[in-house]
C-alpha cells in the first residue's frame, strides 16, 4: 500500500514541510506500510492507517533535511508543546528517528548535513541523548564512505 499525503487546508502550517510518512510512523510506533493517508489540516494532522485513525500535532514531528531549516519561532512552538506534555525535551522517538537517519546516510556529506541539523536543534535533547547521537554519528562516520 502506498500512503499519500494530502493538503486539506488552503492555509499551510509552517511545520507541514517536516511531515513524512517515516516520521509519522515512528511517532505512532507503527509500520509505515500500515499508513493509508496523511491529511494535513490547518492546525492538526490526521493519520489514517489500518486499524487506526489519529490526530497528530505538527509540533510532534521532527525537522528533516531537504526543506528550509527550522526557525526560532518553530523552536518555540516545539518547546511549548513539550511543556504542555510536561516534558523538558523532544519525544523519545526523535532520538531514534535521528539515529536511524545517521545510519541511513549514504555519503559523508549527507551524514554531516544531518549532524548540522542536530546541532541546530540540540536544545531538544538531554545530555544523554546528545551523547547517544554523537556516538551514532561517529560510528557511521568511522565507516569511511571510501574517503
N, C-alpha and C. Protein backbone atom coordinates (compact mmCIF):
# COMPACT_ATOMS: atom_id res chain seq x y z
N UNK A 1 0.84 -1.17 0.00
CA UNK A 1 0.00 0.00 0.00
C UNK A 1 0.89 1.24 0.00
N UNK A 2 0.57 2.20 -0.83
CA UNK A 2 1.32 3.43 -0.91
C UNK A 2 0.53 4.52 -0.20
N UNK A 3 1.13 5.08 0.83
CA UNK A 3 0.48 6.16 1.58
C UNK A 3 0.58 7.46 0.80
N UNK A 4 -0.41 8.31 0.98
CA UNK A 4 -0.37 9.61 0.34
C UNK A 4 -0.53 10.70 1.38
N UNK A 5 0.09 11.84 1.10
CA UNK A 5 -0.02 13.00 1.97
C UNK A 5 -0.86 14.02 1.21
N UNK A 6 -1.98 14.44 1.82
CA UNK A 6 -2.90 15.39 1.19
C UNK A 6 -2.94 16.68 1.97
N UNK A 7 -2.89 17.79 1.26
CA UNK A 7 -3.08 19.10 1.87
C UNK A 7 -4.58 19.38 1.89
N UNK A 8 -5.20 19.39 3.06
CA UNK A 8 -6.65 19.56 3.18
C UNK A 8 -7.06 21.02 3.40
N UNK A 9 -6.13 21.87 3.73
CA UNK A 9 -6.44 23.26 4.04
C UNK A 9 -5.72 24.18 3.07
N UNK A 10 -6.34 25.32 2.79
CA UNK A 10 -5.67 26.29 1.94
C UNK A 10 -4.50 26.93 2.67
N UNK A 11 -4.62 27.08 3.96
CA UNK A 11 -3.53 27.61 4.78
C UNK A 11 -2.58 26.47 5.13
N UNK A 12 -1.34 26.63 4.75
CA UNK A 12 -0.34 25.59 5.02
C UNK A 12 0.34 25.90 6.35
N UNK A 13 0.34 24.94 7.24
CA UNK A 13 1.03 25.11 8.52
C UNK A 13 2.53 25.14 8.25
N UNK A 14 3.28 26.05 8.89
CA UNK A 14 4.72 26.14 8.62
C UNK A 14 5.48 24.84 8.89
N UNK A 15 5.04 24.07 9.87
CA UNK A 15 5.74 22.82 10.19
C UNK A 15 5.35 21.67 9.27
N UNK A 16 4.41 21.89 8.37
CA UNK A 16 3.97 20.83 7.45
C UNK A 16 5.12 20.34 6.57
N UNK A 17 6.12 21.18 6.34
CA UNK A 17 7.24 20.77 5.49
C UNK A 17 8.06 19.63 6.10
N UNK A 18 7.91 19.39 7.38
CA UNK A 18 8.64 18.31 8.05
C UNK A 18 7.88 16.98 8.08
N UNK A 19 6.63 16.99 7.65
CA UNK A 19 5.80 15.78 7.74
C UNK A 19 6.23 14.78 6.67
N UNK A 20 6.63 13.61 7.13
CA UNK A 20 6.96 12.50 6.24
C UNK A 20 6.26 11.25 6.76
N UNK A 21 6.08 10.31 5.89
CA UNK A 21 5.45 9.04 6.29
C UNK A 21 6.30 8.36 7.36
N UNK A 22 7.61 8.38 7.17
CA UNK A 22 8.51 7.74 8.13
C UNK A 22 8.40 8.37 9.51
N UNK A 23 8.38 9.70 9.59
CA UNK A 23 8.29 10.38 10.88
C UNK A 23 6.97 10.08 11.58
N UNK A 24 5.88 10.10 10.82
CA UNK A 24 4.57 9.82 11.39
C UNK A 24 4.50 8.37 11.88
N UNK A 25 5.05 7.46 11.11
CA UNK A 25 5.07 6.05 11.52
C UNK A 25 5.86 5.87 12.81
N UNK A 26 7.00 6.52 12.90
CA UNK A 26 7.81 6.44 14.13
C UNK A 26 7.08 7.04 15.32
N UNK A 27 6.43 8.17 15.09
CA UNK A 27 5.67 8.83 16.16
C UNK A 27 4.59 7.90 16.70
N UNK A 28 3.86 7.26 15.81
CA UNK A 28 2.76 6.38 16.22
C UNK A 28 3.21 4.96 16.53
N UNK A 29 4.50 4.70 16.34
CA UNK A 29 5.07 3.38 16.61
C UNK A 29 4.36 2.29 15.80
N UNK A 30 4.19 2.55 14.51
CA UNK A 30 3.58 1.58 13.60
C UNK A 30 4.46 1.44 12.36
N UNK A 31 4.23 0.40 11.60
CA UNK A 31 4.94 0.23 10.33
C UNK A 31 4.42 1.26 9.33
N UNK A 32 5.32 1.84 8.57
CA UNK A 32 4.93 2.85 7.56
C UNK A 32 3.97 2.26 6.54
N UNK A 33 4.06 0.97 6.29
CA UNK A 33 3.19 0.33 5.30
C UNK A 33 1.73 0.28 5.76
N UNK A 34 1.48 0.45 7.05
CA UNK A 34 0.10 0.48 7.56
C UNK A 34 -0.60 1.80 7.27
N UNK A 35 0.16 2.85 7.01
CA UNK A 35 -0.43 4.18 6.80
C UNK A 35 -1.05 4.25 5.41
N UNK A 36 -2.33 4.63 5.38
CA UNK A 36 -3.05 4.78 4.12
C UNK A 36 -2.93 6.20 3.60
N UNK A 37 -3.18 7.16 4.49
CA UNK A 37 -3.05 8.56 4.09
C UNK A 37 -2.79 9.44 5.29
N UNK A 38 -2.19 10.58 4.98
CA UNK A 38 -1.91 11.61 5.97
C UNK A 38 -2.55 12.88 5.44
N UNK A 39 -3.48 13.44 6.21
CA UNK A 39 -4.18 14.65 5.79
C UNK A 39 -3.66 15.83 6.60
N UNK A 40 -3.12 16.80 5.90
CA UNK A 40 -2.57 17.99 6.54
C UNK A 40 -3.65 19.06 6.63
N UNK A 41 -4.16 19.27 7.83
CA UNK A 41 -5.15 20.29 8.07
C UNK A 41 -4.45 21.53 8.62
N UNK A 42 -5.21 22.56 8.84
CA UNK A 42 -4.61 23.84 9.24
C UNK A 42 -3.81 23.74 10.54
N UNK A 43 -4.37 23.07 11.55
CA UNK A 43 -3.71 23.03 12.86
C UNK A 43 -3.33 21.62 13.32
N UNK A 44 -3.78 20.62 12.61
CA UNK A 44 -3.53 19.23 13.02
C UNK A 44 -3.27 18.36 11.79
N UNK A 45 -2.74 17.20 12.04
CA UNK A 45 -2.51 16.19 11.02
C UNK A 45 -3.44 15.03 11.34
N UNK A 46 -4.16 14.54 10.35
CA UNK A 46 -4.97 13.34 10.54
C UNK A 46 -4.25 12.19 9.86
N UNK A 47 -3.97 11.15 10.62
CA UNK A 47 -3.30 9.96 10.08
C UNK A 47 -4.33 8.85 10.02
N UNK A 48 -4.50 8.29 8.84
CA UNK A 48 -5.41 7.17 8.64
C UNK A 48 -4.55 5.97 8.27
N UNK A 49 -4.62 4.94 9.11
CA UNK A 49 -3.84 3.73 8.89
C UNK A 49 -4.75 2.52 9.11
N UNK A 50 -4.24 1.35 8.79
CA UNK A 50 -5.01 0.13 9.03
C UNK A 50 -5.28 0.01 10.52
N UNK A 51 -6.56 0.01 10.88
CA UNK A 51 -6.96 -0.14 12.28
C UNK A 51 -6.67 1.07 13.15
N UNK A 52 -6.42 2.22 12.56
CA UNK A 52 -6.03 3.38 13.35
C UNK A 52 -6.39 4.67 12.61
N UNK A 53 -6.93 5.60 13.35
CA UNK A 53 -7.19 6.95 12.85
C UNK A 53 -6.81 7.88 14.00
N UNK A 54 -5.85 8.76 13.78
CA UNK A 54 -5.35 9.56 14.89
C UNK A 54 -5.00 10.97 14.44
N UNK A 55 -5.32 11.95 15.30
CA UNK A 55 -4.88 13.31 15.07
C UNK A 55 -3.51 13.48 15.72
N UNK A 56 -2.63 14.18 15.04
CA UNK A 56 -1.27 14.39 15.49
C UNK A 56 -0.96 15.88 15.39
N UNK A 57 -0.19 16.40 16.32
CA UNK A 57 0.21 17.79 16.29
C UNK A 57 1.42 17.96 15.37
N UNK A 58 1.44 19.06 14.64
CA UNK A 58 2.62 19.37 13.82
C UNK A 58 3.86 19.49 14.70
N UNK A 59 3.68 19.93 15.94
CA UNK A 59 4.80 20.14 16.86
C UNK A 59 5.42 18.84 17.35
N UNK A 60 4.82 17.70 17.00
CA UNK A 60 5.40 16.41 17.38
C UNK A 60 6.35 15.86 16.32
N UNK A 61 6.39 16.49 15.15
CA UNK A 61 7.16 15.97 14.03
C UNK A 61 8.55 16.61 14.03
N UNK A 62 9.61 15.80 13.93
CA UNK A 62 10.98 16.34 13.94
C UNK A 62 11.35 16.97 12.60
N UNK A 63 12.22 17.97 12.63
CA UNK A 63 12.68 18.58 11.38
C UNK A 63 13.53 17.61 10.56
N UNK A 64 13.54 17.83 9.25
CA UNK A 64 14.27 16.97 8.33
C UNK A 64 15.12 17.82 7.39
N UNK A 65 15.97 17.15 6.64
CA UNK A 65 16.76 17.80 5.60
C UNK A 65 15.91 17.95 4.34
N UNK A 66 16.38 18.78 3.43
CA UNK A 66 15.72 18.91 2.15
C UNK A 66 14.66 19.98 2.09
N UNK A 67 14.40 20.60 3.22
CA UNK A 67 13.45 21.72 3.29
C UNK A 67 14.12 22.83 4.09
N UNK A 68 13.47 23.97 4.18
CA UNK A 68 14.02 25.09 4.94
C UNK A 68 14.23 24.67 6.40
N UNK A 69 15.38 25.02 6.98
CA UNK A 69 15.63 24.66 8.39
C UNK A 69 14.62 25.31 9.32
N UNK A 70 14.49 24.78 10.52
CA UNK A 70 13.53 25.34 11.47
C UNK A 70 13.91 26.77 11.87
N UNK A 71 12.89 27.56 12.11
CA UNK A 71 13.09 28.94 12.54
C UNK A 71 13.03 29.01 14.07
N UNK A 72 13.40 30.16 14.59
CA UNK A 72 13.32 30.37 16.03
C UNK A 72 11.88 30.22 16.53
N UNK A 73 10.93 30.75 15.76
CA UNK A 73 9.51 30.65 16.15
C UNK A 73 9.07 29.19 16.21
N UNK A 74 9.56 28.37 15.29
CA UNK A 74 9.20 26.94 15.30
C UNK A 74 9.83 26.23 16.49
N UNK A 75 11.02 26.64 16.85
CA UNK A 75 11.66 26.05 18.03
C UNK A 75 10.86 26.38 19.28
N UNK A 76 10.32 27.58 19.33
CA UNK A 76 9.46 27.98 20.46
C UNK A 76 8.19 27.13 20.46
N UNK A 77 7.64 26.88 19.27
CA UNK A 77 6.45 26.03 19.16
C UNK A 77 6.72 24.65 19.74
N UNK A 78 7.87 24.06 19.43
CA UNK A 78 8.21 22.74 19.99
C UNK A 78 8.32 22.81 21.50
N UNK A 79 9.00 23.82 22.00
CA UNK A 79 9.16 23.94 23.46
C UNK A 79 7.80 24.07 24.16
N UNK A 80 6.91 24.85 23.58
CA UNK A 80 5.56 24.98 24.15
C UNK A 80 4.85 23.63 24.17
N UNK A 81 4.98 22.89 23.10
CA UNK A 81 4.34 21.57 23.02
C UNK A 81 4.89 20.65 24.11
N UNK A 82 6.18 20.63 24.28
CA UNK A 82 6.78 19.75 25.29
C UNK A 82 6.37 20.18 26.69
N UNK A 83 6.30 21.49 26.92
CA UNK A 83 5.85 21.98 28.22
C UNK A 83 4.43 21.52 28.50
N UNK A 84 3.58 21.59 27.47
CA UNK A 84 2.20 21.15 27.61
C UNK A 84 2.14 19.66 27.96
N UNK A 85 3.07 18.89 27.41
CA UNK A 85 3.13 17.45 27.69
C UNK A 85 3.94 17.15 28.95
N UNK A 86 4.36 18.22 29.65
CA UNK A 86 5.15 18.11 30.88
C UNK A 86 6.47 17.37 30.63
N UNK A 87 7.10 17.72 29.52
CA UNK A 87 8.40 17.18 29.14
C UNK A 87 9.36 18.34 28.95
N UNK A 88 10.62 18.08 29.22
CA UNK A 88 11.63 19.11 29.03
C UNK A 88 12.25 19.04 27.64
N UNK A 89 12.19 17.84 27.05
CA UNK A 89 12.84 17.61 25.77
C UNK A 89 11.88 16.98 24.76
N UNK A 90 12.39 16.82 23.55
CA UNK A 90 11.63 16.21 22.46
C UNK A 90 11.20 14.79 22.85
N UNK A 91 10.14 14.30 22.22
CA UNK A 91 9.72 12.92 22.49
C UNK A 91 10.85 11.93 22.17
N UNK A 92 10.84 10.79 22.83
CA UNK A 92 11.90 9.79 22.68
C UNK A 92 12.09 9.34 21.23
N UNK A 93 11.00 9.34 20.46
CA UNK A 93 11.14 8.84 19.10
C UNK A 93 12.02 9.74 18.25
N UNK A 94 12.20 11.03 18.63
CA UNK A 94 13.09 11.91 17.86
C UNK A 94 14.51 11.35 17.88
N UNK A 95 14.97 10.89 19.03
CA UNK A 95 16.31 10.32 19.14
C UNK A 95 16.45 9.12 18.20
N UNK A 96 15.49 8.21 18.26
CA UNK A 96 15.52 7.04 17.38
C UNK A 96 15.45 7.43 15.91
N UNK A 97 14.64 8.43 15.60
CA UNK A 97 14.49 8.93 14.24
C UNK A 97 15.83 9.41 13.69
N UNK A 98 16.54 10.24 14.48
CA UNK A 98 17.81 10.79 14.00
C UNK A 98 18.93 9.75 13.97
N UNK A 99 18.94 8.84 14.91
CA UNK A 99 19.93 7.76 14.85
C UNK A 99 19.72 6.94 13.58
N UNK A 100 18.47 6.69 13.26
CA UNK A 100 18.16 5.97 12.02
C UNK A 100 18.61 6.77 10.79
N UNK A 101 18.40 8.08 10.82
CA UNK A 101 18.83 8.93 9.71
C UNK A 101 20.35 8.89 9.56
N UNK A 102 21.07 8.92 10.68
CA UNK A 102 22.53 8.77 10.60
C UNK A 102 22.88 7.45 9.92
N UNK A 103 22.25 6.37 10.36
CA UNK A 103 22.55 5.04 9.83
C UNK A 103 22.16 4.89 8.36
N UNK A 104 21.15 5.63 7.92
CA UNK A 104 20.72 5.57 6.52
C UNK A 104 21.55 6.46 5.60
N UNK A 105 22.39 7.31 6.17
CA UNK A 105 23.19 8.23 5.36
C UNK A 105 24.05 7.44 4.39
N UNK A 106 23.99 7.86 3.12
CA UNK A 106 24.73 7.13 2.09
C UNK A 106 26.02 7.83 1.69
N UNK A 107 26.28 8.99 2.29
CA UNK A 107 27.52 9.71 1.99
C UNK A 107 27.94 10.51 3.22
N UNK A 108 29.19 10.88 3.23
CA UNK A 108 29.71 11.69 4.34
C UNK A 108 29.02 13.05 4.37
N UNK A 109 28.73 13.61 3.19
CA UNK A 109 28.04 14.90 3.11
C UNK A 109 26.64 14.81 3.72
N UNK A 110 25.92 13.75 3.41
CA UNK A 110 24.58 13.54 3.96
C UNK A 110 24.66 13.43 5.48
N UNK A 111 25.60 12.65 5.96
CA UNK A 111 25.80 12.48 7.40
C UNK A 111 26.10 13.83 8.06
N UNK A 112 26.99 14.61 7.46
CA UNK A 112 27.32 15.94 8.00
C UNK A 112 26.09 16.84 8.05
N UNK A 113 25.27 16.78 6.99
CA UNK A 113 24.06 17.61 6.97
C UNK A 113 23.11 17.25 8.10
N UNK A 114 22.95 15.95 8.36
CA UNK A 114 22.12 15.53 9.50
C UNK A 114 22.74 16.01 10.81
N UNK A 115 24.06 15.92 10.91
CA UNK A 115 24.76 16.39 12.10
C UNK A 115 24.57 17.89 12.33
N UNK A 116 24.59 18.66 11.24
CA UNK A 116 24.38 20.11 11.35
C UNK A 116 22.95 20.43 11.79
N UNK A 117 22.00 19.64 11.30
CA UNK A 117 20.61 19.85 11.74
C UNK A 117 20.48 19.57 13.23
N UNK A 118 21.10 18.49 13.69
CA UNK A 118 21.06 18.16 15.12
C UNK A 118 21.71 19.29 15.94
N UNK A 119 22.82 19.83 15.45
CA UNK A 119 23.49 20.93 16.15
C UNK A 119 22.56 22.13 16.28
N UNK A 120 21.73 22.36 15.27
CA UNK A 120 20.79 23.47 15.29
C UNK A 120 19.69 23.27 16.33
N UNK A 121 19.29 22.03 16.55
CA UNK A 121 18.17 21.75 17.47
C UNK A 121 18.61 20.98 18.71
N UNK A 122 19.88 21.07 19.06
CA UNK A 122 20.35 20.26 20.19
C UNK A 122 19.68 20.59 21.51
N UNK A 123 19.04 21.77 21.60
CA UNK A 123 18.27 22.11 22.80
C UNK A 123 17.15 21.09 23.05
N UNK A 124 16.78 20.35 22.01
CA UNK A 124 15.66 19.42 22.09
C UNK A 124 16.03 18.11 22.79
N UNK A 125 17.31 17.93 23.08
CA UNK A 125 17.77 16.64 23.60
C UNK A 125 18.48 16.80 24.94
N UNK A 126 18.35 15.79 25.76
CA UNK A 126 19.07 15.75 27.03
C UNK A 126 20.54 15.49 26.72
N UNK A 127 21.38 15.68 27.71
CA UNK A 127 22.81 15.43 27.52
C UNK A 127 23.07 13.97 27.16
N UNK A 128 22.32 13.06 27.76
CA UNK A 128 22.47 11.62 27.45
C UNK A 128 22.07 11.35 26.00
N UNK A 129 21.02 12.00 25.53
CA UNK A 129 20.60 11.83 24.14
C UNK A 129 21.65 12.40 23.17
N UNK A 130 22.20 13.56 23.51
CA UNK A 130 23.25 14.16 22.67
C UNK A 130 24.43 13.21 22.58
N UNK A 131 24.77 12.60 23.70
CA UNK A 131 25.89 11.64 23.70
C UNK A 131 25.58 10.44 22.81
N UNK A 132 24.35 9.93 22.88
CA UNK A 132 23.95 8.80 22.04
C UNK A 132 23.99 9.18 20.56
N UNK A 133 23.56 10.39 20.25
CA UNK A 133 23.61 10.87 18.87
C UNK A 133 25.06 11.01 18.40
N UNK A 134 25.91 11.53 19.27
CA UNK A 134 27.33 11.70 18.94
C UNK A 134 27.98 10.35 18.64
N UNK A 135 27.69 9.36 19.48
CA UNK A 135 28.25 8.02 19.29
C UNK A 135 27.78 7.44 17.96
N UNK A 136 26.49 7.57 17.68
CA UNK A 136 25.93 7.06 16.42
C UNK A 136 26.57 7.75 15.22
N UNK A 137 26.72 9.06 15.31
CA UNK A 137 27.33 9.85 14.24
C UNK A 137 28.77 9.40 13.99
N UNK A 138 29.54 9.30 15.07
CA UNK A 138 30.95 8.92 14.94
C UNK A 138 31.11 7.49 14.43
N UNK A 139 30.23 6.61 14.86
CA UNK A 139 30.24 5.23 14.38
C UNK A 139 30.03 5.19 12.87
N UNK A 140 29.03 5.93 12.42
CA UNK A 140 28.72 5.96 10.98
C UNK A 140 29.85 6.64 10.21
N UNK A 141 30.38 7.72 10.76
CA UNK A 141 31.48 8.44 10.09
C UNK A 141 32.71 7.56 9.99
N UNK A 142 32.91 6.70 11.00
CA UNK A 142 34.05 5.80 11.01
C UNK A 142 33.99 4.73 9.92
N UNK A 143 32.84 4.57 9.29
CA UNK A 143 32.70 3.60 8.21
C UNK A 143 33.46 4.03 6.97
N UNK A 144 33.81 5.33 6.88
CA UNK A 144 34.72 5.79 5.86
C UNK A 144 34.15 6.31 4.58
N UNK A 145 33.07 5.76 4.07
CA UNK A 145 32.50 6.22 2.80
C UNK A 145 33.52 6.26 1.69
N UNK A 146 34.53 5.42 1.75
CA UNK A 146 35.53 5.39 0.69
C UNK A 146 36.47 6.57 0.70
N UNK A 147 36.48 7.33 1.81
CA UNK A 147 37.35 8.50 1.88
C UNK A 147 38.65 8.14 2.55
